[in-house]
């Protein structure tokens, strides 16, 4: 399909290299563009498949460069409104992202999962359920494994659990999952999308190519996702942690226990109880409900779903218990990169908590996060670009036990001093890591390293 096309890949990071590797393995020629004129070309070549040739266009983008290419592959970190994307669009030339590219080359059925929070946990759980039943199962996307890296390994009988971000959805064209899910929509990335309406519409576009014979799972408890049922071409199936739905995936009170239950066509299919799973926090009950629904509509039997759900452990960096040092429990919730995700972290705590927050400014507001402290947070330690704004918000809500730190290491030392035996220390920053760390994974790993050093 693309072998006679001239393809330009924008970005030399993980996504760009993944796209280049896929195209190279598929026998297609591509050129990598990067705005850094001093890009280490050999370092990029060393991350590509052996003996693969690649050319580069470096430095400030010239619009006329778009005249030389048939297709642009845009890395998700580059805005669809960036000059390079605009130049291709003005010439009526397609702009794809890595997800669209991988989809074109992949085989099998895709379960696509998006939402502001819970994507990684839900996708990882769906992947484990798939692996327990299907011989060929893949877990890809924003979870850290580029879809492009495994697209050529898929077969017609394969199933693929794909975590898809709003940035990735901006550049889908024909991407067509068999089952999709929008877990929730709360303010995030508004610096990129501009408004909540645009952000929500981008999330819903995950189902734009589905039909009424195919399912989209939507969160009934979230008014934004609940309203999507009226606007999607797919068949909307609701999941709910709070409501006893007539049909859908829900928590049912059975003999004083909360049971994950599938209600369909007048029948009830119990899966397991909240006491039988290992995930901490009510937000994870929502993730489990979504995963159960996705797996069910992808054809997995109840028994396999039950066993996989009961065996599943928390995803790294998401309310991850790290260790207990001097009687203090340390939890790594580095993936709490926005206020709503960080609220879930607070809600999961059952001990007096020293909270580490702050980081890159995504133009979020922090009132609801501060209000969610609910007497649990004894000290708030702030760092990064948002420290002042968060501190002012906290004081406006009557919370004054605030400590400012100039570095992550200083913040950790302050947390150690503020915590007493029987307390918890929680890294749940409500902000992205950029400016201090490359990504939330590096931030979470550093947290765990420092906790480890406290025992030495």
Protein backbone atom coordinates (compact mmCIF):
# COMPACT_ATOMS: atom_id res chain seq x y z
CA UNK A 1 0.00 0.00 0.00
CA UNK A 2 2.77 2.47 0.91
CA UNK A 3 5.72 0.99 -0.96
CA UNK A 4 5.65 3.59 -3.72
CA UNK A 5 4.95 6.51 -1.41
CA UNK A 6 7.45 9.08 -0.19
CA UNK A 7 6.92 9.26 3.57
CA UNK A 8 8.17 11.86 6.02
CA UNK A 9 8.20 11.02 9.75
CA UNK A 10 8.06 14.01 12.10
CA UNK A 11 9.97 13.38 15.32
CA UNK A 12 12.97 11.21 16.19
CA UNK A 13 11.70 9.98 19.56
CA UNK A 14 10.14 6.61 20.50
CA UNK A 15 7.13 7.09 18.23
CA UNK A 16 9.12 8.30 15.24
CA UNK A 17 11.67 5.53 15.53
CA UNK A 18 8.87 2.97 15.92
CA UNK A 19 7.22 4.27 12.75
CA UNK A 20 10.50 4.21 10.84
CA UNK A 21 11.21 0.67 12.00
CA UNK A 22 7.79 -0.55 10.89
CA UNK A 23 8.10 1.07 7.48
CA UNK A 24 11.61 -0.28 7.04
CA UNK A 25 10.56 -3.83 7.94
CA UNK A 26 7.62 -3.49 5.54
CA UNK A 27 9.94 -2.50 2.69
CA UNK A 28 8.86 1.16 2.56
CA UNK A 29 11.17 4.15 2.30
CA UNK A 30 10.91 6.92 4.87
CA UNK A 31 12.77 10.03 5.96
CA UNK A 32 12.90 11.33 9.54
CA UNK A 33 12.43 15.04 10.14
CA UNK A 34 13.52 16.63 13.41
CA UNK A 35 13.81 20.28 14.33
CA UNK A 36 17.11 19.71 16.12
CA UNK A 37 19.86 20.49 13.59
CA UNK A 38 22.38 18.71 15.83
CA UNK A 39 20.42 15.46 16.16
CA UNK A 40 22.70 12.45 16.73
CA UNK A 41 21.85 10.52 13.56
CA UNK A 42 23.92 7.50 14.50
CA UNK A 43 22.12 7.16 17.84
CA UNK A 44 18.83 7.08 15.95
CA UNK A 45 20.13 4.58 13.39
CA UNK A 46 21.32 2.32 16.21
CA UNK A 47 17.74 2.04 17.48
CA UNK A 48 16.39 0.96 14.10
CA UNK A 49 16.30 -2.60 12.69
CA UNK A 50 19.70 -3.93 11.62
CA UNK A 51 20.92 -2.77 8.21
CA UNK A 52 17.96 -0.43 7.78
CA UNK A 53 18.86 2.71 5.83
CA UNK A 54 17.29 6.00 6.89
CA UNK A 55 17.69 9.60 5.73
CA UNK A 56 17.11 12.78 7.68
CA UNK A 57 15.76 16.30 7.24
CA UNK A 58 16.94 18.47 10.12
CA UNK A 59 16.55 22.03 11.34
CA UNK A 60 13.84 24.63 10.99
CA UNK A 61 10.91 23.34 8.95
CA UNK A 62 10.45 24.77 5.45
CA UNK A 63 6.83 24.48 4.17
CA UNK A 64 8.02 23.62 0.67
CA UNK A 65 9.46 20.39 2.08
CA UNK A 66 5.89 19.05 2.06
CA UNK A 67 5.96 19.23 -1.75
CA UNK A 68 8.49 16.38 -1.81
CA UNK A 69 6.42 13.85 0.18
CA UNK A 70 3.11 12.01 -0.16
CA UNK A 71 2.40 11.32 3.52
CA UNK A 72 3.35 12.70 6.94
CA UNK A 73 3.61 10.46 10.00
CA UNK A 74 3.25 12.77 13.01
CA UNK A 75 4.53 11.84 16.46
CA UNK A 76 1.88 12.41 19.18
CA UNK A 77 4.04 14.97 20.95
CA UNK A 78 3.78 17.28 17.92
CA UNK A 79 0.56 19.27 17.62
CA UNK A 80 -1.72 18.69 14.64
CA UNK A 81 -1.59 22.50 14.29
CA UNK A 82 2.21 22.61 14.05
CA UNK A 83 3.65 24.16 10.85
CA UNK A 84 4.75 20.79 9.47
CA UNK A 85 1.25 19.32 9.81
CA UNK A 86 -0.36 22.49 8.42
CA UNK A 87 1.89 22.38 5.36
CA UNK A 88 0.75 18.84 4.47
CA UNK A 89 -2.91 19.65 5.12
CA UNK A 90 -2.75 22.76 2.92
CA UNK A 91 -1.54 20.51 0.11
CA UNK A 92 -4.33 18.00 0.77
CA UNK A 93 -1.78 15.39 1.76
CA UNK A 94 -2.61 12.92 4.56
CA UNK A 95 -1.31 13.34 8.09
CA UNK A 96 -1.28 10.09 10.08
CA UNK A 97 -0.12 9.24 13.57
CA UNK A 98 1.62 6.07 14.71
CA UNK A 99 -1.70 4.41 15.61
CA UNK A 100 -3.11 4.88 12.10
CA UNK A 101 0.15 3.63 10.56
CA UNK A 102 0.22 0.54 12.76
CA UNK A 103 -3.46 -0.14 12.09
CA UNK A 104 -2.85 -0.18 8.33
CA UNK A 105 -0.25 -2.94 8.72
CA UNK A 106 -1.85 -4.91 11.56
CA UNK A 107 -4.21 -7.88 11.46
CA UNK A 108 -6.66 -9.18 14.05
CA UNK A 109 -9.19 -7.45 16.31
CA UNK A 110 -8.47 -4.38 18.41
CA UNK A 111 -9.91 -3.34 21.78
CA UNK A 112 -9.11 0.39 22.01
CA UNK A 113 -9.18 2.17 25.37
CA UNK A 114 -9.06 5.90 26.06
CA UNK A 115 -10.03 8.27 28.87
CA UNK A 116 -8.36 10.90 31.02
CA UNK A 117 -7.50 8.45 33.80
CA UNK A 118 -7.29 4.70 34.23
CA UNK A 119 -6.19 3.87 30.67
CA UNK A 120 -2.98 2.12 31.60
CA UNK A 121 -4.46 -0.04 34.37
CA UNK A 122 -7.49 -0.97 32.26
CA UNK A 123 -5.42 -1.76 29.18
CA UNK A 124 -2.95 -3.85 31.18
CA UNK A 125 -5.82 -5.79 32.78
CA UNK A 126 -7.54 -6.35 29.42
CA UNK A 127 -4.21 -7.58 28.08
CA UNK A 128 -3.86 -10.10 30.90
CA UNK A 129 -7.41 -11.33 30.33
CA UNK A 130 -6.71 -11.70 26.60
CA UNK A 131 -3.49 -13.61 27.24
CA UNK A 132 -5.34 -16.05 29.48
CA UNK A 133 -7.65 -17.06 26.63
CA UNK A 134 -6.28 -16.12 23.22
CA UNK A 135 -3.06 -17.72 21.89
CA UNK A 136 -2.04 -14.48 20.13
CA UNK A 137 -2.54 -11.37 22.27
CA UNK A 138 -0.75 -8.02 22.30
CA UNK A 139 -0.82 -5.01 24.65
CA UNK A 140 0.20 -1.79 22.89
CA UNK A 141 -0.10 1.96 22.55
CA UNK A 142 0.34 4.72 25.09
CA UNK A 143 1.09 2.03 27.70
CA UNK A 144 4.73 2.10 26.56
CA UNK A 145 4.86 -0.47 23.73
CA UNK A 146 4.42 1.28 20.38
CA UNK A 147 1.76 -0.38 18.24
CA UNK A 148 4.16 0.07 15.34
CA UNK A 149 6.69 -2.25 17.02
CA UNK A 150 4.37 -5.30 16.88
CA UNK A 151 1.97 -4.54 14.01
CA UNK A 152 3.78 -6.87 11.60
CA UNK A 153 3.73 -9.68 14.18
CA UNK A 154 -0.06 -9.77 14.41
CA UNK A 155 -2.16 -12.43 12.67
CA UNK A 156 -5.83 -12.52 11.65
CA UNK A 157 -6.66 -14.41 14.87
CA UNK A 158 -4.74 -11.95 17.09
CA UNK A 159 -6.39 -9.70 19.67
CA UNK A 160 -4.83 -6.37 20.60
CA UNK A 161 -5.45 -4.30 23.73
CA UNK A 162 -4.51 -0.73 22.78
CA UNK A 163 -4.22 2.25 25.11
CA UNK A 164 -4.89 5.33 22.99
CA UNK A 165 -4.28 8.92 24.11
CA UNK A 166 -6.14 11.98 22.87
CA UNK A 167 -2.96 13.08 21.09
CA UNK A 168 -2.90 9.79 19.18
CA UNK A 169 -6.61 10.00 18.35
CA UNK A 170 -6.10 13.37 16.66
CA UNK A 171 -4.37 11.63 13.76
CA UNK A 172 -6.53 8.54 13.21
CA UNK A 173 -8.33 8.19 9.89
CA UNK A 174 -9.51 4.63 9.24
CA UNK A 175 -8.57 3.18 12.65
CA UNK A 176 -11.39 0.78 13.50
CA UNK A 177 -11.49 -1.12 16.81
CA UNK A 178 -13.82 -4.07 17.32
CA UNK A 179 -14.59 -2.79 20.83
CA UNK A 180 -13.76 0.65 22.22
CA UNK A 181 -14.02 2.32 25.61
CA UNK A 182 -14.00 5.88 26.97
CA UNK A 183 -13.37 5.54 30.69
CA UNK A 184 -13.89 9.16 31.78
CA UNK A 185 -13.26 12.73 30.66
CA UNK A 186 -11.95 15.33 33.09
CA UNK A 187 -9.89 18.49 32.40
CA UNK A 188 -6.45 17.62 31.02
CA UNK A 189 -4.23 18.73 28.13
CA UNK A 190 -6.34 21.85 27.64
CA UNK A 191 -3.16 23.66 26.63
CA UNK A 192 -3.18 21.37 23.57
CA UNK A 193 -6.89 20.86 22.83
CA UNK A 194 -8.09 24.35 23.77
CA UNK A 195 -11.44 23.41 25.34
CA UNK A 196 -13.20 20.58 27.15
CA UNK A 197 -15.57 20.20 24.22
CA UNK A 198 -12.75 19.60 21.75
CA UNK A 199 -11.00 17.29 24.22
CA UNK A 200 -14.16 15.19 24.76
CA UNK A 201 -14.88 15.03 21.03
CA UNK A 202 -11.33 13.82 20.45
CA UNK A 203 -11.84 11.04 23.00
CA UNK A 204 -15.13 10.00 21.40
CA UNK A 205 -13.49 9.80 17.97
CA UNK A 206 -12.06 6.45 19.08
CA UNK A 207 -15.38 4.98 17.88
CA UNK A 208 -15.91 7.09 14.76
CA UNK A 209 -15.44 4.12 12.39
CA UNK A 210 -17.41 1.59 14.44
CA UNK A 211 -20.90 0.38 13.50
CA UNK A 212 -24.08 -0.39 15.47
CA UNK A 213 -22.98 -4.02 15.54
CA UNK A 214 -19.90 -3.07 17.55
CA UNK A 215 -19.66 -1.94 21.18
CA UNK A 216 -18.30 1.13 22.90
CA UNK A 217 -18.07 0.91 26.72
CA UNK A 218 -18.94 4.22 28.43
CA UNK A 219 -18.82 5.28 32.07
CA UNK A 220 -22.37 5.96 33.25
CA UNK A 221 -21.09 7.71 36.38
CA UNK A 222 -19.33 10.40 34.31
CA UNK A 223 -21.90 12.82 32.80
CA UNK A 224 -19.64 13.61 29.84
CA UNK A 225 -19.13 9.98 28.82
CA UNK A 226 -22.76 9.10 29.60
CA UNK A 227 -23.89 11.74 27.09
CA UNK A 228 -21.61 10.25 24.43
CA UNK A 229 -24.10 7.38 24.02
CA UNK A 230 -26.29 9.72 21.97
CA UNK A 231 -23.46 10.72 19.62
CA UNK A 232 -21.56 7.55 18.85
CA UNK A 233 -22.14 5.33 15.81
CA UNK A 234 -21.36 2.24 17.94
CA UNK A 235 -23.70 0.45 20.36
CA UNK A 236 -23.18 2.06 23.75
CA UNK A 237 -22.91 -0.28 26.73
CA UNK A 238 -22.61 1.44 30.11
CA UNK A 239 -20.55 0.46 33.12
CA UNK A 240 -21.23 1.90 36.56
CA UNK A 241 -19.77 1.70 40.04
CA UNK A 242 -22.72 3.56 41.58
CA UNK A 243 -25.93 2.68 39.72
CA UNK A 244 -27.89 -0.57 39.44
CA UNK A 245 -28.17 -0.50 35.65
CA UNK A 246 -30.88 -2.46 33.89
CA UNK A 247 -28.19 -3.59 31.44
CA UNK A 248 -24.44 -3.13 31.42
CA UNK A 249 -21.48 -3.83 33.68
CA UNK A 250 -22.00 -2.87 37.33
CA UNK A 251 -21.24 -3.46 40.98
CA UNK A 252 -24.14 -5.38 42.53
CA UNK A 253 -24.65 -5.63 46.28
CA UNK A 254 -24.96 -9.35 47.01
CA UNK A 255 -25.19 -10.47 50.64
CA UNK A 256 -23.29 -7.38 51.76
CA UNK A 257 -20.55 -7.83 49.16
CA UNK A 258 -19.96 -5.81 46.02
CA UNK A 259 -19.93 -8.13 43.01
CA UNK A 260 -18.74 -7.19 39.54
CA UNK A 261 -21.69 -8.24 37.39
CA UNK A 262 -22.54 -8.33 33.68
CA UNK A 263 -26.21 -7.70 32.96
CA UNK A 264 -27.21 -8.59 29.42
CA UNK A 265 -30.51 -9.60 27.79
CA UNK A 266 -32.23 -10.14 31.12
CA UNK A 267 -29.48 -12.37 32.52
CA UNK A 268 -26.90 -11.66 35.21
CA UNK A 269 -23.34 -13.00 35.08
CA UNK A 270 -21.42 -12.49 38.36
CA UNK A 271 -17.64 -12.27 37.93
CA UNK A 272 -16.04 -11.75 41.37
CA UNK A 273 -16.29 -9.45 44.39
CA UNK A 274 -14.30 -6.35 45.25
CA UNK A 275 -12.79 -8.31 48.15
CA UNK A 276 -11.32 -10.86 45.75
CA UNK A 277 -9.24 -8.41 43.69
CA UNK A 278 -5.85 -6.93 44.51
CA UNK A 279 -6.37 -3.41 43.16
CA UNK A 280 -6.67 -0.60 45.71
CA UNK A 281 -9.26 2.18 45.49
CA UNK A 282 -12.77 2.71 44.14
CA UNK A 283 -11.40 4.24 40.93
CA UNK A 284 -9.89 0.83 40.20
CA UNK A 285 -13.34 -0.72 40.54
CA UNK A 286 -14.30 1.42 37.54
CA UNK A 287 -11.24 0.19 35.65
CA UNK A 288 -12.16 -3.41 36.43
CA UNK A 289 -15.76 -2.87 35.30
CA UNK A 290 -14.54 -1.46 31.99
CA UNK A 291 -12.03 -4.28 31.50
CA UNK A 292 -14.67 -6.92 32.21
CA UNK A 293 -16.99 -5.35 29.64
CA UNK A 294 -14.27 -5.05 27.00
CA UNK A 295 -13.17 -8.66 27.45
CA UNK A 296 -16.77 -9.92 27.45
CA UNK A 297 -17.60 -8.20 24.18
CA UNK A 298 -14.32 -9.43 22.71
CA UNK A 299 -15.52 -12.98 23.33
CA UNK A 300 -13.66 -14.02 26.49
CA UNK A 301 -15.59 -16.49 28.73
CA UNK A 302 -16.55 -15.48 32.27
CA UNK A 303 -14.20 -18.01 33.88
CA UNK A 304 -11.12 -16.60 32.16
CA UNK A 305 -12.19 -13.04 32.98
CA UNK A 306 -12.73 -13.96 36.64
CA UNK A 307 -9.34 -15.64 37.09
CA UNK A 308 -7.38 -12.89 35.34
CA UNK A 309 -9.12 -10.10 37.27
CA UNK A 310 -8.48 -11.82 40.61
CA UNK A 311 -4.79 -12.39 39.79
CA UNK A 312 -4.06 -8.90 38.46
CA UNK A 313 -1.75 -6.60 40.44
CA UNK A 314 -1.50 -2.81 40.30
CA UNK A 315 0.32 -1.16 37.42
CA UNK A 316 3.68 0.38 38.23
CA UNK A 317 3.51 4.09 39.14
CA UNK A 318 -0.26 3.98 39.84
CA UNK A 319 -0.85 3.98 43.62
CA UNK A 320 1.97 1.44 43.78
CA UNK A 321 3.02 0.36 47.26
CA UNK A 322 6.82 0.69 47.36
CA UNK A 323 7.99 -0.10 50.91
CA UNK A 324 7.59 0.64 54.60
CA UNK A 325 10.52 2.49 56.14
CA UNK A 326 10.61 3.42 59.84
CA UNK A 327 6.90 2.64 60.11
CA UNK A 328 5.93 4.88 57.16
CA UNK A 329 4.29 3.43 54.02
CA UNK A 330 5.50 4.90 50.71
CA UNK A 331 3.21 4.93 47.65
CA UNK A 332 4.27 5.82 44.12
CA UNK A 333 1.45 7.43 42.16
CA UNK A 334 3.65 9.25 39.67
CA UNK A 335 1.06 8.51 37.00
CA UNK A 336 -1.27 10.94 38.79
CA UNK A 337 -0.39 13.61 36.24
CA UNK A 338 -3.57 15.68 36.54
CA UNK A 339 -5.80 16.73 39.46
CA UNK A 340 -8.52 14.15 38.82
CA UNK A 341 -6.01 11.28 38.79
CA UNK A 342 -4.40 12.65 41.94
CA UNK A 343 -7.81 12.78 43.66
CA UNK A 344 -8.03 9.01 43.11
CA UNK A 345 -4.66 8.64 44.82
CA UNK A 346 -5.84 10.55 47.89
CA UNK A 347 -9.10 8.61 48.04
CA UNK A 348 -7.16 5.34 48.13
CA UNK A 349 -5.19 6.36 51.24
CA UNK A 350 -6.35 5.07 54.63
CA UNK A 351 -3.61 6.61 56.81
CA UNK A 352 -2.54 10.20 57.62
CA UNK A 353 -0.71 11.20 54.44
CA UNK A 354 2.26 13.37 53.52
CA UNK A 355 1.58 14.36 49.93
CA UNK A 356 4.15 15.33 47.29
CA UNK A 357 2.74 17.46 44.48
CA UNK A 358 3.60 19.88 41.70
CA UNK A 359 5.42 19.80 38.39
CA UNK A 360 4.82 21.00 34.85
CA UNK A 361 2.02 23.52 34.28
CA UNK A 362 -0.73 22.11 32.01
CA UNK A 363 -3.08 24.98 32.91
CA UNK A 364 -5.08 22.81 35.30
CA UNK A 365 -6.97 24.07 38.32
CA UNK A 366 -6.44 22.49 41.72
CA UNK A 367 -9.49 23.37 43.83
CA UNK A 368 -11.18 19.95 43.63
CA UNK A 369 -7.89 18.19 44.39
CA UNK A 370 -7.35 20.28 47.54
CA UNK A 371 -10.96 19.73 48.61
CA UNK A 372 -10.42 15.97 48.24
CA UNK A 373 -7.78 16.04 51.00
CA UNK A 374 -10.74 15.51 53.35
CA UNK A 375 -8.63 15.56 56.51
CA UNK A 376 -6.28 12.81 55.22
CA UNK A 377 -3.37 15.04 54.17
CA UNK A 378 -1.26 16.24 57.10
CA UNK A 379 1.48 17.93 55.02
CA UNK A 380 1.68 19.08 51.41
CA UNK A 381 5.15 19.29 49.88
CA UNK A 382 5.30 21.21 46.62
CA UNK A 383 7.87 21.49 43.84
CA UNK A 384 8.14 22.48 40.19
CA UNK A 385 6.51 25.18 38.08
CA UNK A 386 3.07 24.78 39.65
CA UNK A 387 4.20 24.90 43.30
CA UNK A 388 3.16 28.51 43.89
CA UNK A 389 -0.25 28.16 42.21
CA UNK A 390 -1.05 24.96 44.12
CA UNK A 391 0.10 26.50 47.40
CA UNK A 392 -2.10 29.57 46.90
CA UNK A 393 -5.08 27.35 46.07
CA UNK A 394 -4.46 25.21 49.16
CA UNK A 395 -4.34 28.25 51.44
CA UNK A 396 -7.51 29.65 49.86
CA UNK A 397 -9.19 26.40 50.95
CA UNK A 398 -7.82 26.68 54.47
CA UNK A 399 -4.93 24.21 54.12
CA UNK A 400 -1.73 25.82 55.39
CA UNK A 401 0.69 23.01 56.25
CA UNK A 402 2.73 23.54 53.08
CA UNK A 403 6.44 23.01 52.47
CA UNK A 404 8.17 24.21 49.28
CA UNK A 405 11.11 22.27 47.87
CA UNK A 406 13.60 23.33 45.23
CA UNK A 407 14.22 19.84 43.90
CA UNK A 408 12.68 16.39 43.91
CA UNK A 409 15.36 15.13 46.25
CA UNK A 410 14.71 17.97 48.68
CA UNK A 411 10.98 17.21 48.53
CA UNK A 412 11.63 13.58 49.42
CA UNK A 413 13.79 14.54 52.39
CA UNK A 414 11.09 16.94 53.63
CA UNK A 415 8.50 14.17 53.28
CA UNK A 416 10.65 11.84 55.31
CA UNK A 417 10.94 14.43 58.09
CA UNK A 418 7.21 15.25 58.04
CA UNK A 419 6.03 11.63 58.27
CA UNK A 420 5.63 9.75 61.54
CA UNK A 421 5.27 5.99 62.13
CA UNK A 422 1.79 4.97 61.02
CA UNK A 423 1.67 7.62 58.26
CA UNK A 424 1.87 7.25 54.49
CA UNK A 425 3.94 9.26 52.02
CA UNK A 426 2.24 9.58 48.65
CA UNK A 427 3.79 10.86 45.42
CA UNK A 428 0.70 11.91 43.47
CA UNK A 429 1.71 15.23 41.88
CA UNK A 430 -1.44 16.26 39.93
CA UNK A 431 0.99 17.53 37.29
CA UNK A 432 3.13 16.20 34.46
CA UNK A 433 6.80 15.53 35.12
CA UNK A 434 8.22 17.61 32.26
CA UNK A 435 10.75 20.21 33.33
CA UNK A 436 12.04 17.96 36.12
CA UNK A 437 11.96 14.52 34.51
CA UNK A 438 11.64 13.05 31.02
CA UNK A 439 8.34 11.37 31.91
CA UNK A 440 6.29 10.13 34.87
CA UNK A 441 8.03 6.73 34.75
CA UNK A 442 11.43 8.31 35.41
CA UNK A 443 9.90 10.38 38.22
CA UNK A 444 8.31 7.30 39.79
CA UNK A 445 11.53 5.31 39.47
CA UNK A 446 13.47 8.08 41.18
CA UNK A 447 10.91 8.08 44.00
CA UNK A 448 11.45 4.35 44.49
CA UNK A 449 15.22 4.73 44.41
CA UNK A 450 15.14 7.39 47.13
CA UNK A 451 12.77 5.32 49.28
CA UNK A 452 15.25 2.46 48.93
CA UNK A 453 18.08 4.75 50.07
CA UNK A 454 16.12 5.59 53.24
CA UNK A 455 16.72 2.00 54.39
CA UNK A 456 20.47 2.15 53.98
